[in-house]
């Protein structure tokens, strides 16, 4: 699903702004690109388990990666388990919640449990979140232009989370960044899966 080209100022987008695409045709074209050596790997973004099952029912080359919103406040356990079972790498976007964006939230960075874990280890909330993803075996798409934050983002490899830390992280209330978006888009995007 996508938003059609046009000057769509309304949000949530009106029904007439939404377009559906031919997944099978698009995937076959992507497979052909890989077969011709135009790309090494092909993958997807924001695919639920249901959408991945559909894709895998006709794909001759499975997706190598599924890039999804993933952080301690939106853990997507079922989807991560499904991807692992199918050998699909999970890449987390918005691992810190996209603070300051239209769609993002402060839910990760302002989370008291994550702050407590960080204080116990002498680390920041961002470092706790990134370490959690690293220990899960998830790759991350971290974005920062701030040199100090970039330095902190890389300083996650000299310590580990404890079992108690994991219990606390499991207690965090789950909420997608898109849960404030248009309900029809959210239902279609995530297939009511979390």
C-alpha atoms as a PDB file:
ATOM      1  CA  UNK A   1       0.000   0.000   0.000  1.00  0.00           C
ATOM      2  CA  UNK A   2       1.246   3.487  -0.838  1.00  0.00           C
ATOM      3  CA  UNK A   3       0.075   7.052  -1.105  1.00  0.00           C
ATOM      4  CA  UNK A   4      -0.656   8.120  -4.676  1.00  0.00           C
ATOM      5  CA  UNK A   5       1.265  11.008  -6.156  1.00  0.00           C
ATOM      6  CA  UNK A   6      -0.441  14.286  -5.434  1.00  0.00           C
ATOM      7  CA  UNK A   7      -0.608  17.171  -3.037  1.00  0.00           C
ATOM      8  CA  UNK A   8      -2.073  15.325  -0.047  1.00  0.00           C
ATOM      9  CA  UNK A   9      -2.097  17.782   2.826  1.00  0.00           C
ATOM     10  CA  UNK A  10      -4.615  15.815   4.891  1.00  0.00           C
ATOM     11  CA  UNK A  11      -3.499  13.345   7.502  1.00  0.00           C
ATOM     12  CA  UNK A  12      -4.747  10.738   7.941  1.00  0.00           C
ATOM     13  CA  UNK A  13      -4.767  10.338   4.168  1.00  0.00           C
ATOM     14  CA  UNK A  14      -8.198  10.079   2.538  1.00  0.00           C
ATOM     15  CA  UNK A  15      -9.169   6.723   0.997  1.00  0.00           C
ATOM     16  CA  UNK A  16      -8.775   8.095  -2.551  1.00  0.00           C
ATOM     17  CA  UNK A  17      -5.112   8.880  -1.804  1.00  0.00           C
ATOM     18  CA  UNK A  18      -4.276   5.229  -1.126  1.00  0.00           C
ATOM     19  CA  UNK A  19      -2.991   2.879  -3.832  1.00  0.00           C
ATOM     20  CA  UNK A  20      -2.421  -0.865  -3.773  1.00  0.00           C
ATOM     21  CA  UNK A  21       0.306  -2.573  -5.736  1.00  0.00           C
ATOM     22  CA  UNK A  22       0.943  -5.924  -7.380  1.00  0.00           C
ATOM     23  CA  UNK A  23       3.208  -7.608  -4.827  1.00  0.00           C
ATOM     24  CA  UNK A  24       3.802 -10.693  -6.944  1.00  0.00           C
ATOM     25  CA  UNK A  25       4.774  -8.641 -10.002  1.00  0.00           C
ATOM     26  CA  UNK A  26       7.027  -6.329  -8.003  1.00  0.00           C
ATOM     27  CA  UNK A  27       8.741  -9.232  -6.229  1.00  0.00           C
ATOM     28  CA  UNK A  28       9.318 -11.119  -9.485  1.00  0.00           C
ATOM     29  CA  UNK A  29      10.950  -7.989 -10.930  1.00  0.00           C
ATOM     30  CA  UNK A  30      13.164  -7.720  -7.839  1.00  0.00           C
ATOM     31  CA  UNK A  31      14.133 -11.385  -8.160  1.00  0.00           C
ATOM     32  CA  UNK A  32      15.074 -10.747 -11.784  1.00  0.00           C
ATOM     33  CA  UNK A  33      17.327  -7.865 -10.693  1.00  0.00           C
ATOM     34  CA  UNK A  34      19.112 -10.209  -8.286  1.00  0.00           C
ATOM     35  CA  UNK A  35      19.418 -12.956 -10.933  1.00  0.00           C
ATOM     36  CA  UNK A  36      20.986 -10.450 -13.333  1.00  0.00           C
ATOM     37  CA  UNK A  37      23.499  -9.402 -10.681  1.00  0.00           C
ATOM     38  CA  UNK A  38      22.091  -5.890 -10.331  1.00  0.00           C
ATOM     39  CA  UNK A  39      21.791  -6.406  -6.574  1.00  0.00           C
ATOM     40  CA  UNK A  40      23.160  -8.921  -4.112  1.00  0.00           C
ATOM     41  CA  UNK A  41      20.114  -9.125  -1.871  1.00  0.00           C
ATOM     42  CA  UNK A  42      16.451  -8.143  -1.915  1.00  0.00           C
ATOM     43  CA  UNK A  43      14.240  -7.453   1.062  1.00  0.00           C
ATOM     44  CA  UNK A  44      11.102  -5.831   2.381  1.00  0.00           C
ATOM     45  CA  UNK A  45      10.054  -3.213   4.885  1.00  0.00           C
ATOM     46  CA  UNK A  46       7.085  -3.164   7.264  1.00  0.00           C
ATOM     47  CA  UNK A  47       5.963  -6.682   6.365  1.00  0.00           C
ATOM     48  CA  UNK A  48       3.887  -8.493   8.988  1.00  0.00           C
ATOM     49  CA  UNK A  49       4.035 -12.280   9.350  1.00  0.00           C
ATOM     50  CA  UNK A  50       0.866 -12.514   7.261  1.00  0.00           C
ATOM     51  CA  UNK A  51       2.406 -10.451   4.448  1.00  0.00           C
ATOM     52  CA  UNK A  52       5.618 -12.489   4.621  1.00  0.00           C
ATOM     53  CA  UNK A  53       3.630 -15.744   4.417  1.00  0.00           C
ATOM     54  CA  UNK A  54       1.899 -14.422   1.315  1.00  0.00           C
ATOM     55  CA  UNK A  55       5.221 -13.384  -0.234  1.00  0.00           C
ATOM     56  CA  UNK A  56       6.898 -16.693   0.579  1.00  0.00           C
ATOM     57  CA  UNK A  57       4.019 -18.591  -1.051  1.00  0.00           C
ATOM     58  CA  UNK A  58       5.241 -17.500  -4.507  1.00  0.00           C
ATOM     59  CA  UNK A  59       8.785 -16.167  -4.036  1.00  0.00           C
ATOM     60  CA  UNK A  60      11.609 -18.201  -5.562  1.00  0.00           C
ATOM     61  CA  UNK A  61      14.117 -16.009  -3.703  1.00  0.00           C
ATOM     62  CA  UNK A  62      13.022 -15.228  -0.143  1.00  0.00           C
ATOM     63  CA  UNK A  63      13.608 -11.745   1.268  1.00  0.00           C
ATOM     64  CA  UNK A  64      16.939 -11.455   3.033  1.00  0.00           C
ATOM     65  CA  UNK A  65      15.725  -8.730   5.391  1.00  0.00           C
ATOM     66  CA  UNK A  66      12.569  -7.192   6.819  1.00  0.00           C
ATOM     67  CA  UNK A  67      13.120  -3.635   8.039  1.00  0.00           C
ATOM     68  CA  UNK A  68      10.561  -2.848  10.734  1.00  0.00           C
ATOM     69  CA  UNK A  69       9.847  -0.416  13.525  1.00  0.00           C
ATOM     70  CA  UNK A  70      11.445  -2.074  16.520  1.00  0.00           C
ATOM     71  CA  UNK A  71      12.472  -0.768  19.918  1.00  0.00           C
ATOM     72  CA  UNK A  72      11.749  -1.582  23.573  1.00  0.00           C
ATOM     73  CA  UNK A  73       8.330   0.114  23.326  1.00  0.00           C
ATOM     74  CA  UNK A  74       7.373  -1.837  20.158  1.00  0.00           C
ATOM     75  CA  UNK A  75       9.046  -5.213  20.448  1.00  0.00           C
ATOM     76  CA  UNK A  76       7.130  -7.193  17.798  1.00  0.00           C
ATOM     77  CA  UNK A  77       7.954 -10.564  19.339  1.00  0.00           C
ATOM     78  CA  UNK A  78       5.730 -12.669  17.052  1.00  0.00           C
ATOM     79  CA  UNK A  79       7.133 -11.053  13.925  1.00  0.00           C
ATOM     80  CA  UNK A  80      10.743 -11.413  15.116  1.00  0.00           C
ATOM     81  CA  UNK A  81      10.136 -15.109  15.868  1.00  0.00           C
ATOM     82  CA  UNK A  82       8.570 -15.652  12.451  1.00  0.00           C
ATOM     83  CA  UNK A  83      11.462 -13.937  10.657  1.00  0.00           C
ATOM     84  CA  UNK A  84      13.996 -15.982  12.614  1.00  0.00           C
ATOM     85  CA  UNK A  85      12.164 -19.202  11.732  1.00  0.00           C
ATOM     86  CA  UNK A  86      12.206 -18.237   8.030  1.00  0.00           C
ATOM     87  CA  UNK A  87      15.838 -17.064   8.048  1.00  0.00           C
ATOM     88  CA  UNK A  88      14.929 -13.424   7.406  1.00  0.00           C
ATOM     89  CA  UNK A  89      17.177 -10.820   9.030  1.00  0.00           C
ATOM     90  CA  UNK A  90      15.335  -8.163  11.033  1.00  0.00           C
ATOM     91  CA  UNK A  91      16.580  -4.590  10.805  1.00  0.00           C
ATOM     92  CA  UNK A  92      15.177  -2.133  13.329  1.00  0.00           C
ATOM     93  CA  UNK A  93      14.350   1.367  12.257  1.00  0.00           C
ATOM     94  CA  UNK A  94      13.459   3.953  14.895  1.00  0.00           C
ATOM     95  CA  UNK A  95      15.356   2.004  17.566  1.00  0.00           C
ATOM     96  CA  UNK A  96      15.077   5.079  19.799  1.00  0.00           C
ATOM     97  CA  UNK A  97      11.510   6.011  18.841  1.00  0.00           C
ATOM     98  CA  UNK A  98      12.179   8.839  16.341  1.00  0.00           C
ATOM     99  CA  UNK A  99      12.051  11.649  18.876  1.00  0.00           C
ATOM    100  CA  UNK A 100      11.089  14.963  17.295  1.00  0.00           C
ATOM    101  CA  UNK A 101       9.474  13.602  14.132  1.00  0.00           C
ATOM    102  CA  UNK A 102       5.835  13.944  13.139  1.00  0.00           C
ATOM    103  CA  UNK A 103       5.228  10.210  13.588  1.00  0.00           C
ATOM    104  CA  UNK A 104       7.707   9.441  16.374  1.00  0.00           C
ATOM    105  CA  UNK A 105       7.438   9.530  20.128  1.00  0.00           C
ATOM    106  CA  UNK A 106       9.506  10.032  23.262  1.00  0.00           C
ATOM    107  CA  UNK A 107       8.308   6.662  24.587  1.00  0.00           C
ATOM    108  CA  UNK A 108      11.757   5.081  24.451  1.00  0.00           C
ATOM    109  CA  UNK A 109      13.907   7.981  25.574  1.00  0.00           C
ATOM    110  CA  UNK A 110      11.552   8.981  28.417  1.00  0.00           C
ATOM    111  CA  UNK A 111      10.936   5.431  29.665  1.00  0.00           C
ATOM    112  CA  UNK A 112      11.623   5.133  33.404  1.00  0.00           C
ATOM    113  CA  UNK A 113      12.494   1.422  33.287  1.00  0.00           C
ATOM    114  CA  UNK A 114      15.087   2.034  30.573  1.00  0.00           C
ATOM    115  CA  UNK A 115      16.485   4.932  32.601  1.00  0.00           C
ATOM    116  CA  UNK A 116      16.836   2.655  35.642  1.00  0.00           C
ATOM    117  CA  UNK A 117      18.641   0.013  33.593  1.00  0.00           C
ATOM    118  CA  UNK A 118      20.933   2.653  32.113  1.00  0.00           C
ATOM    119  CA  UNK A 119      21.789   4.093  35.533  1.00  0.00           C
ATOM    120  CA  UNK A 120      22.623   0.607  36.852  1.00  0.00           C
ATOM    121  CA  UNK A 121      25.125   0.112  34.014  1.00  0.00           C
ATOM    122  CA  UNK A 122      26.377   3.704  33.721  1.00  0.00           C
ATOM    123  CA  UNK A 123      24.833   3.905  30.241  1.00  0.00           C
ATOM    124  CA  UNK A 124      22.277   6.093  28.483  1.00  0.00           C
ATOM    125  CA  UNK A 125      18.761   5.032  27.534  1.00  0.00           C
ATOM    126  CA  UNK A 126      19.870   5.008  23.890  1.00  0.00           C
ATOM    127  CA  UNK A 127      22.728   2.644  24.724  1.00  0.00           C
ATOM    128  CA  UNK A 128      20.378   0.336  26.634  1.00  0.00           C
ATOM    129  CA  UNK A 129      17.961   0.238  23.690  1.00  0.00           C
ATOM    130  CA  UNK A 130      20.700  -0.407  21.149  1.00  0.00           C
ATOM    131  CA  UNK A 131      22.329  -3.059  23.343  1.00  0.00           C
ATOM    132  CA  UNK A 132      18.953  -4.802  23.733  1.00  0.00           C
ATOM    133  CA  UNK A 133      18.551  -4.937  19.950  1.00  0.00           C
ATOM    134  CA  UNK A 134      22.131  -6.140  19.512  1.00  0.00           C
ATOM    135  CA  UNK A 135      21.635  -8.944  22.033  1.00  0.00           C
ATOM    136  CA  UNK A 136      18.459  -9.982  20.194  1.00  0.00           C
ATOM    137  CA  UNK A 137      20.528 -10.387  17.020  1.00  0.00           C
ATOM    138  CA  UNK A 138      18.745  -7.533  15.271  1.00  0.00           C
ATOM    139  CA  UNK A 139      20.556  -5.130  12.978  1.00  0.00           C
ATOM    140  CA  UNK A 140      19.764  -1.455  13.465  1.00  0.00           C
ATOM    141  CA  UNK A 141      19.381   1.625  11.307  1.00  0.00           C
ATOM    142  CA  UNK A 142      20.554   4.374  13.654  1.00  0.00           C
ATOM    143  CA  UNK A 143      20.492   7.964  12.474  1.00  0.00           C
ATOM    144  CA  UNK A 144      22.339  10.786  14.161  1.00  0.00           C
ATOM    145  CA  UNK A 145      24.329  13.791  13.026  1.00  0.00           C
ATOM    146  CA  UNK A 146      25.551  14.538  16.530  1.00  0.00           C
ATOM    147  CA  UNK A 147      29.158  13.331  16.973  1.00  0.00           C
ATOM    148  CA  UNK A 148      28.756  12.681  20.706  1.00  0.00           C
ATOM    149  CA  UNK A 149      25.625  10.573  20.166  1.00  0.00           C
ATOM    150  CA  UNK A 150      27.319   8.662  17.342  1.00  0.00           C
ATOM    151  CA  UNK A 151      30.198   7.914  19.701  1.00  0.00           C
ATOM    152  CA  UNK A 152      27.768   6.751  22.408  1.00  0.00           C
ATOM    153  CA  UNK A 153      25.879   4.584  19.881  1.00  0.00           C
ATOM    154  CA  UNK A 154      29.033   2.588  19.213  1.00  0.00           C
ATOM    155  CA  UNK A 155      29.856   2.175  22.918  1.00  0.00           C
ATOM    156  CA  UNK A 156      27.447  -0.713  23.478  1.00  0.00           C
ATOM    157  CA  UNK A 157      29.827  -3.648  23.133  1.00  0.00           C
ATOM    158  CA  UNK A 158      31.661  -3.609  26.478  1.00  0.00           C
ATOM    159  CA  UNK A 159      28.757  -4.667  28.703  1.00  0.00           C
ATOM    160  CA  UNK A 160      25.638  -6.881  28.723  1.00  0.00           C
ATOM    161  CA  UNK A 161      22.071  -6.742  29.933  1.00  0.00           C
ATOM    162  CA  UNK A 162      21.086  -8.954  32.878  1.00  0.00           C
ATOM    163  CA  UNK A 163      18.103 -11.301  33.235  1.00  0.00           C
ATOM    164  CA  UNK A 164      16.524  -8.673  35.496  1.00  0.00           C
ATOM    165  CA  UNK A 165      17.036  -6.044  32.770  1.00  0.00           C
ATOM    166  CA  UNK A 166      15.197  -8.279  30.317  1.00  0.00           C
ATOM    167  CA  UNK A 167      12.317  -8.743  32.778  1.00  0.00           C
ATOM    168  CA  UNK A 168      12.002  -4.954  33.090  1.00  0.00           C
ATOM    169  CA  UNK A 169      12.115  -4.456  29.311  1.00  0.00           C
ATOM    170  CA  UNK A 170       9.414  -7.131  28.886  1.00  0.00           C
ATOM    171  CA  UNK A 171       7.181  -5.080  31.232  1.00  0.00           C
ATOM    172  CA  UNK A 172       7.260  -1.993  29.007  1.00  0.00           C
ATOM    173  CA  UNK A 173       3.864  -1.086  27.571  1.00  0.00           C
ATOM    174  CA  UNK A 174       3.850  -1.689  23.810  1.00  0.00           C
ATOM    175  CA  UNK A 175       2.827   0.997  21.335  1.00  0.00           C
ATOM    176  CA  UNK A 176       3.677   1.451  17.663  1.00  0.00           C
ATOM    177  CA  UNK A 177       4.621   4.905  16.423  1.00  0.00           C
ATOM    178  CA  UNK A 178       1.915   4.457  13.815  1.00  0.00           C
ATOM    179  CA  UNK A 179      -0.811   3.703  16.350  1.00  0.00           C
ATOM    180  CA  UNK A 180      -1.701   7.409  16.294  1.00  0.00           C
ATOM    181  CA  UNK A 181      -1.987   7.301  12.501  1.00  0.00           C
ATOM    182  CA  UNK A 182      -4.963   6.507  10.330  1.00  0.00           C
ATOM    183  CA  UNK A 183      -6.577   3.343  11.664  1.00  0.00           C
ATOM    184  CA  UNK A 184      -7.199   1.833   8.220  1.00  0.00           C
ATOM    185  CA  UNK A 185      -3.545   2.314   7.276  1.00  0.00           C
ATOM    186  CA  UNK A 186      -2.403   0.857  10.597  1.00  0.00           C
ATOM    187  CA  UNK A 187      -4.636  -2.227  10.269  1.00  0.00           C
ATOM    188  CA  UNK A 188      -3.513  -2.825   6.692  1.00  0.00           C
ATOM    189  CA  UNK A 189       0.146  -2.229   7.469  1.00  0.00           C
ATOM    190  CA  UNK A 190       0.445  -4.453  10.540  1.00  0.00           C
ATOM    191  CA  UNK A 191      -2.466  -6.883  10.085  1.00  0.00           C
ATOM    192  CA  UNK A 192      -3.264  -6.302  13.765  1.00  0.00           C
ATOM    193  CA  UNK A 193      -0.054  -8.110  14.703  1.00  0.00           C
ATOM    194  CA  UNK A 194       2.366  -7.132  17.460  1.00  0.00           C
END
